[in-house]
Amino acid sequence: MKIIYTQHELIEWRQSLTMPTSSIGFVPTMGALHLGHISLIERALEENDAVVVSIFVNPTQFNDSNDFLHYPKNNEGDLEMLKDYARLVIFLPATSEMYPSPEKEQFHSGLLTSTLEAKLRPGHFDGVITIIRKLFNSVRAHRVYFGEKDFQQLAVIKSWVILEKRSELIIPCPTIRESDGLAMSSRNQRLSPEMRKEAPFIFEVLQAAKAQVDTQSPAEMEIWIRSVFLERPLFRLDYFEIIDGNTFAPLAEWSDSSLPMAMIAVFLGEIRLIDNIALTEQSA
């Protein structure tokens, strides 16, 4: 495992590869690593000659300064978790390295950047694209790995790659869950024991929604799910929406989409968790 702290070092490492045609995998993270991240890293190692893992809590994608201040950080623990993986390069930059000036670009891609997370977290995806451009330009990876838990972020990045005619291949990877169904997330570390006990209800609701596709319309399902959360005082539902997973347009009828998705964001106390589920079985 090699640790690099500057973009210049990263570019030098990339240029020093003994085989210029070596395939490079990239896993961008904000640290506080968990088994979901490890699944991305292990897949990247299987499919590439070398893998870069970035650990950087990106300030420009936080629309809530309190969320940024409290986002879990554990560089020492992250490095310990990764120490036994060969062919890993860890990119661990300071904020001043990535942002020598307070820049933030804007990115627009129709509904992708005007609904759900984009609507409720103004500027979030602008910050995501700002840092992704910087990282992609330094790493110059062949394949980049993202988890499907952040379904809208994944779609935004794929759209940006197409619009910019980038060469990186974006690899979506399945959401990794705890044994009780809770989607793995760095923010889970902030849950109190009581909240952690309640948190699997999020995925239970998504599974229940999927089971009701044949008996409820999309509108009926959304009303039903909202009423369910009113009975759970620890939760505050931020949104539950049924969309087309390709366009992000809201669905009026199930027949309007080949990929109907249920998207959810909830607060447990001040901690915001997101998840999603495909409401029909998808062929491989």
Protein backbone atom coordinates (compact mmCIF):
# COMPACT_ATOMS: atom_id res chain seq x y z
CA MET A 1 0.00 0.00 0.00
CA LYS A 2 1.34 3.40 -1.02
CA ILE A 3 0.06 6.67 0.46
CA ILE A 4 0.09 9.84 -1.65
CA TYR A 5 -0.84 13.31 -0.43
CA THR A 6 -0.67 15.59 -3.48
CA GLN A 7 -2.05 15.60 -7.00
CA HIS A 8 1.49 16.08 -8.32
CA GLU A 9 2.64 12.89 -6.56
CA LEU A 10 -0.37 11.07 -7.94
CA ILE A 11 0.40 12.12 -11.49
CA GLU A 12 4.06 11.14 -11.01
CA TRP A 13 3.01 7.70 -9.74
CA ARG A 14 0.74 7.28 -12.74
CA GLN A 15 3.58 8.16 -15.10
CA SER A 16 6.02 5.82 -13.33
CA LEU A 17 4.07 2.64 -14.00
CA THR A 18 6.39 0.12 -15.60
CA MET A 19 3.66 -0.88 -18.03
CA PRO A 20 1.90 2.20 -19.46
CA THR A 21 -0.98 0.00 -20.59
CA SER A 22 -1.68 -1.18 -17.02
CA SER A 23 -5.35 -0.82 -16.13
CA ILE A 24 -6.13 1.54 -13.25
CA GLY A 25 -9.20 1.23 -11.07
CA PHE A 26 -10.43 4.09 -8.89
CA VAL A 27 -12.67 4.11 -5.81
CA PRO A 28 -13.49 7.66 -4.63
CA THR A 29 -14.52 7.77 -0.95
CA MET A 30 -15.03 10.28 1.85
CA GLY A 31 -13.43 7.91 4.33
CA ALA A 32 -14.97 6.39 7.47
CA LEU A 33 -14.67 3.18 5.48
CA HIS A 34 -16.99 0.22 5.91
CA LEU A 35 -17.59 -3.10 4.18
CA GLY A 36 -19.50 -1.38 1.39
CA HIS A 37 -16.33 0.50 0.45
CA ILE A 38 -14.30 -2.68 0.80
CA SER A 39 -16.58 -4.46 -1.67
CA LEU A 40 -15.87 -1.71 -4.24
CA ILE A 41 -12.13 -1.91 -3.59
CA GLU A 42 -12.01 -5.69 -3.86
CA ARG A 43 -13.92 -5.66 -7.13
CA ALA A 44 -11.59 -2.97 -8.47
CA LEU A 45 -8.55 -5.06 -7.50
CA GLU A 46 -10.02 -8.08 -9.30
CA GLU A 47 -10.54 -6.11 -12.51
CA ASN A 48 -7.43 -3.87 -12.65
CA ASP A 49 -3.66 -3.99 -12.33
CA ALA A 50 -3.59 -1.21 -9.72
CA VAL A 51 -6.25 0.64 -7.73
CA VAL A 52 -6.39 4.17 -6.34
CA VAL A 53 -8.60 4.85 -3.33
CA SER A 54 -9.17 8.50 -2.47
CA ILE A 55 -10.10 9.53 1.07
CA PHE A 56 -11.33 13.11 1.10
CA VAL A 57 -14.34 14.70 2.79
CA ASN A 58 -15.34 17.14 0.06
CA PRO A 59 -16.63 20.41 1.55
CA THR A 60 -18.27 21.70 -1.63
CA GLN A 61 -20.92 18.96 -1.70
CA PHE A 62 -22.33 19.80 1.73
CA ASN A 63 -25.20 22.26 1.71
CA ASP A 64 -25.40 21.97 5.52
CA SER A 65 -22.27 23.16 7.35
CA ASN A 66 -23.29 21.22 10.46
CA ASP A 67 -23.43 18.01 8.43
CA PHE A 68 -19.92 18.70 7.14
CA LEU A 69 -18.55 19.39 10.62
CA HIS A 70 -20.00 16.17 12.02
CA TYR A 71 -19.28 13.88 9.09
CA PRO A 72 -17.29 10.94 10.54
CA LYS A 73 -13.55 11.03 9.93
CA ASN A 74 -11.10 8.27 10.85
CA ASN A 75 -8.03 8.33 8.61
CA GLU A 76 -6.02 6.16 10.99
CA GLY A 77 -8.73 3.50 11.09
CA ASP A 78 -9.22 3.69 7.33
CA LEU A 79 -5.52 3.10 6.64
CA GLU A 80 -5.46 0.22 9.10
CA MET A 81 -8.40 -1.36 7.26
CA LEU A 82 -6.57 -1.13 3.93
CA LYS A 83 -3.02 -1.99 4.99
CA ASP A 84 -3.08 -5.62 3.80
CA TYR A 85 -4.33 -4.91 0.28
CA ALA A 86 -1.60 -5.11 -2.33
CA ARG A 87 -1.63 -2.86 -5.41
CA LEU A 88 -3.48 -0.09 -3.56
CA VAL A 89 -2.54 3.56 -3.77
CA ILE A 90 -4.25 5.73 -1.16
CA PHE A 91 -4.77 9.36 -2.14
CA LEU A 92 -5.16 11.34 1.09
CA PRO A 93 -5.12 15.05 0.20
CA ALA A 94 -5.63 18.07 2.43
CA THR A 95 -8.47 20.46 1.63
CA SER A 96 -5.92 23.09 0.58
CA GLU A 97 -4.51 20.62 -1.95
CA MET A 98 -7.84 20.08 -3.67
CA TYR A 99 -9.12 23.65 -3.24
CA PRO A 100 -6.30 26.21 -3.45
CA SER A 101 -9.11 28.65 -4.30
CA PRO A 102 -12.80 28.50 -3.26
CA GLU A 103 -14.12 27.23 -6.57
CA LYS A 104 -17.32 25.36 -7.32
CA GLU A 105 -18.57 24.62 -10.80
CA GLN A 106 -22.17 24.22 -11.88
CA PHE A 107 -23.60 21.17 -13.61
CA HIS A 108 -27.10 20.79 -15.00
CA SER A 109 -28.62 17.65 -16.46
CA GLY A 110 -32.39 18.02 -16.53
CA LEU A 111 -34.36 16.17 -13.86
CA LEU A 112 -31.21 14.52 -12.56
CA THR A 113 -30.06 17.79 -11.06
CA SER A 114 -33.41 19.32 -10.13
CA THR A 115 -35.22 16.62 -8.15
CA LEU A 116 -34.84 14.52 -4.98
CA GLU A 117 -31.34 15.08 -3.54
CA ALA A 118 -30.68 18.01 -5.86
CA LYS A 119 -33.90 19.76 -4.83
CA LEU A 120 -33.42 19.26 -1.10
CA ARG A 121 -29.64 19.78 -1.02
CA PRO A 122 -29.03 22.80 -3.30
CA GLY A 123 -25.56 22.79 -4.82
CA HIS A 124 -24.81 19.24 -3.68
CA PHE A 125 -24.22 17.77 -7.13
CA ASP A 126 -22.30 20.85 -8.26
CA GLY A 127 -19.87 20.05 -5.45
CA VAL A 128 -19.79 16.37 -6.39
CA ILE A 129 -18.90 17.17 -10.01
CA THR A 130 -16.33 19.76 -8.90
CA ILE A 131 -14.34 17.19 -6.91
CA ILE A 132 -14.94 14.33 -9.36
CA ARG A 133 -13.41 16.37 -12.18
CA LYS A 134 -10.33 17.11 -10.06
CA LEU A 135 -9.94 13.47 -9.01
CA PHE A 136 -10.57 12.03 -12.46
CA ASN A 137 -8.03 14.39 -14.02
CA SER A 138 -5.35 13.36 -11.52
CA VAL A 139 -6.02 9.61 -11.37
CA ARG A 140 -6.84 9.06 -15.07
CA ALA A 141 -8.39 5.71 -14.26
CA HIS A 142 -9.81 3.23 -16.73
CA ARG A 143 -12.63 2.12 -14.43
CA VAL A 144 -14.30 3.97 -11.53
CA TYR A 145 -16.48 2.18 -8.97
CA PHE A 146 -19.57 3.59 -7.24
CA GLY A 147 -22.20 2.01 -5.01
CA GLU A 148 -25.84 2.01 -6.08
CA LYS A 149 -26.99 3.21 -2.65
CA ASP A 150 -26.22 6.72 -3.93
CA PHE A 151 -28.36 6.03 -6.99
CA GLN A 152 -28.90 9.63 -8.04
CA GLN A 153 -25.24 10.55 -7.56
CA LEU A 154 -24.27 7.59 -9.73
CA ALA A 155 -26.68 8.75 -12.44
CA VAL A 156 -25.37 12.33 -12.28
CA ILE A 157 -21.75 11.17 -12.66
CA LYS A 158 -22.64 8.87 -15.56
CA SER A 159 -24.45 11.77 -17.26
CA TRP A 160 -21.45 14.06 -16.73
CA VAL A 161 -19.06 11.46 -18.16
CA ILE A 162 -21.19 11.18 -21.30
CA LEU A 163 -21.61 14.95 -21.74
CA GLU A 164 -17.89 15.55 -21.25
CA LYS A 165 -16.95 12.61 -23.49
CA ARG A 166 -14.75 11.22 -20.73
CA SER A 167 -12.97 7.91 -21.22
CA GLU A 168 -13.56 6.53 -17.70
CA LEU A 169 -15.87 3.53 -17.51
CA ILE A 170 -18.30 3.94 -14.59
CA ILE A 171 -18.95 0.63 -12.79
CA PRO A 172 -22.14 0.51 -10.67
CA CYS A 173 -21.92 -1.89 -7.72
CA PRO A 174 -24.79 -3.29 -5.63
CA THR A 175 -25.67 -1.75 -2.28
CA ILE A 176 -24.06 -3.65 0.59
CA ARG A 177 -26.30 -4.11 3.61
CA GLU A 178 -25.96 -5.06 7.24
CA SER A 179 -27.46 -8.40 8.25
CA ASP A 180 -30.66 -6.58 9.28
CA GLY A 181 -30.98 -4.83 5.91
CA LEU A 182 -29.69 -1.37 6.75
CA ALA A 183 -27.68 0.01 3.83
CA MET A 184 -24.06 0.48 4.88
CA SER A 185 -23.13 4.14 5.21
CA SER A 186 -20.46 6.13 6.98
CA ARG A 187 -23.26 8.13 8.60
CA ASN A 188 -24.47 4.98 10.38
CA GLN A 189 -21.58 5.50 12.80
CA ARG A 190 -23.41 8.51 14.21
CA LEU A 191 -26.58 6.60 15.09
CA SER A 192 -27.32 6.12 18.78
CA PRO A 193 -28.06 2.53 19.91
CA GLU A 194 -31.79 3.32 19.88
CA MET A 195 -31.61 4.84 16.40
CA ARG A 196 -29.50 1.96 15.11
CA LYS A 197 -32.15 -0.46 16.34
CA GLU A 198 -34.84 1.44 14.42
CA ALA A 199 -32.85 2.12 11.25
CA PRO A 200 -33.54 -1.22 9.45
CA PHE A 201 -37.16 -0.08 9.17
CA ILE A 202 -36.07 1.98 6.14
CA PHE A 203 -35.29 -1.12 4.10
CA GLU A 204 -38.33 -2.94 5.51
CA VAL A 205 -40.49 -0.16 4.07
CA LEU A 206 -38.80 -0.43 0.68
CA GLN A 207 -39.34 -4.18 0.61
CA ALA A 208 -42.99 -3.71 1.60
CA ALA A 209 -43.40 -1.20 -1.23
CA LYS A 210 -41.97 -3.66 -3.72
CA ALA A 211 -44.41 -6.32 -2.52
CA GLN A 212 -47.36 -3.96 -3.17
CA VAL A 213 -46.63 -3.09 -6.81
CA ASP A 214 -49.43 -5.34 -8.07
CA THR A 215 -52.03 -3.87 -5.72
CA GLN A 216 -51.26 -0.14 -5.53
CA SER A 217 -50.63 2.62 -8.05
CA PRO A 218 -47.47 4.72 -7.63
CA ALA A 219 -49.50 7.58 -6.13
CA GLU A 220 -51.27 5.25 -3.70
CA MET A 221 -47.98 3.74 -2.65
CA GLU A 222 -46.42 7.12 -1.94
CA ILE A 223 -49.40 8.12 0.25
CA TRP A 224 -49.27 4.79 2.08
CA ILE A 225 -45.56 5.01 2.83
CA ARG A 226 -45.87 8.58 4.12
CA SER A 227 -48.63 7.47 6.48
CA VAL A 228 -46.48 4.58 7.72
CA PHE A 229 -43.71 6.97 8.79
CA LEU A 230 -46.16 9.17 10.67
CA GLU A 231 -46.50 6.24 13.08
CA ARG A 232 -42.73 6.08 13.73
CA PRO A 233 -41.82 9.06 15.96
CA LEU A 234 -38.04 8.62 15.69
CA PHE A 235 -38.18 9.14 11.94
CA ARG A 236 -38.81 12.24 9.88
CA LEU A 237 -39.46 11.41 6.24
CA ASP A 238 -37.66 13.80 3.90
CA TYR A 239 -39.04 12.19 0.76
CA PHE A 240 -40.41 8.96 -0.64
CA GLU A 241 -40.87 9.09 -4.39
CA ILE A 242 -41.38 6.60 -7.18
CA ILE A 243 -39.48 7.49 -10.33
CA ASP A 244 -38.28 6.07 -13.59
CA GLY A 245 -34.74 4.93 -12.86
CA ASN A 246 -33.53 6.00 -16.31
CA THR A 247 -35.01 9.52 -16.54
CA PHE A 248 -35.85 10.31 -12.88
CA ALA A 249 -39.32 11.41 -13.97
CA PRO A 250 -42.09 10.69 -11.45
CA LEU A 251 -44.29 7.74 -12.37
CA ALA A 252 -48.05 7.93 -12.83
CA GLU A 253 -48.40 4.30 -13.94
CA TRP A 254 -46.12 1.30 -13.54
CA SER A 255 -46.28 0.72 -17.29
CA ASP A 256 -44.56 4.08 -17.85
CA SER A 257 -41.18 2.65 -16.88
CA SER A 258 -39.02 -0.42 -17.41
CA LEU A 259 -37.10 0.52 -14.26
CA PRO A 260 -39.44 1.84 -11.56
CA MET A 261 -37.47 2.86 -8.48
CA ALA A 262 -38.53 3.78 -4.95
CA MET A 263 -36.26 6.51 -3.57
CA ILE A 264 -36.23 7.44 0.09
CA ALA A 265 -34.50 9.85 2.46
CA VAL A 266 -35.24 9.98 6.18
CA PHE A 267 -33.91 11.70 9.26
CA LEU A 268 -33.20 9.76 12.42
CA GLY A 269 -32.65 12.64 14.78
CA GLU A 270 -30.31 14.92 12.83
CA ILE A 271 -28.78 12.07 10.84
CA ARG A 272 -30.02 11.79 7.27
CA LEU A 273 -30.03 8.38 5.59
CA ILE A 274 -30.91 7.50 2.00
CA ASP A 275 -31.79 4.24 0.27
CA ASN A 276 -33.56 2.92 -2.81
CA ILE A 277 -34.96 -0.23 -4.35
CA ALA A 278 -35.89 -1.39 -7.84
CA LEU A 279 -39.59 -2.21 -7.69
CA THR A 280 -39.50 -4.86 -10.40
CA GLU A 281 -37.01 -7.62 -10.96
CA GLN A 282 -34.35 -6.62 -13.47
CA SER A 283 -32.90 -9.09 -15.93
CA ALA A 284 -29.13 -9.45 -15.87
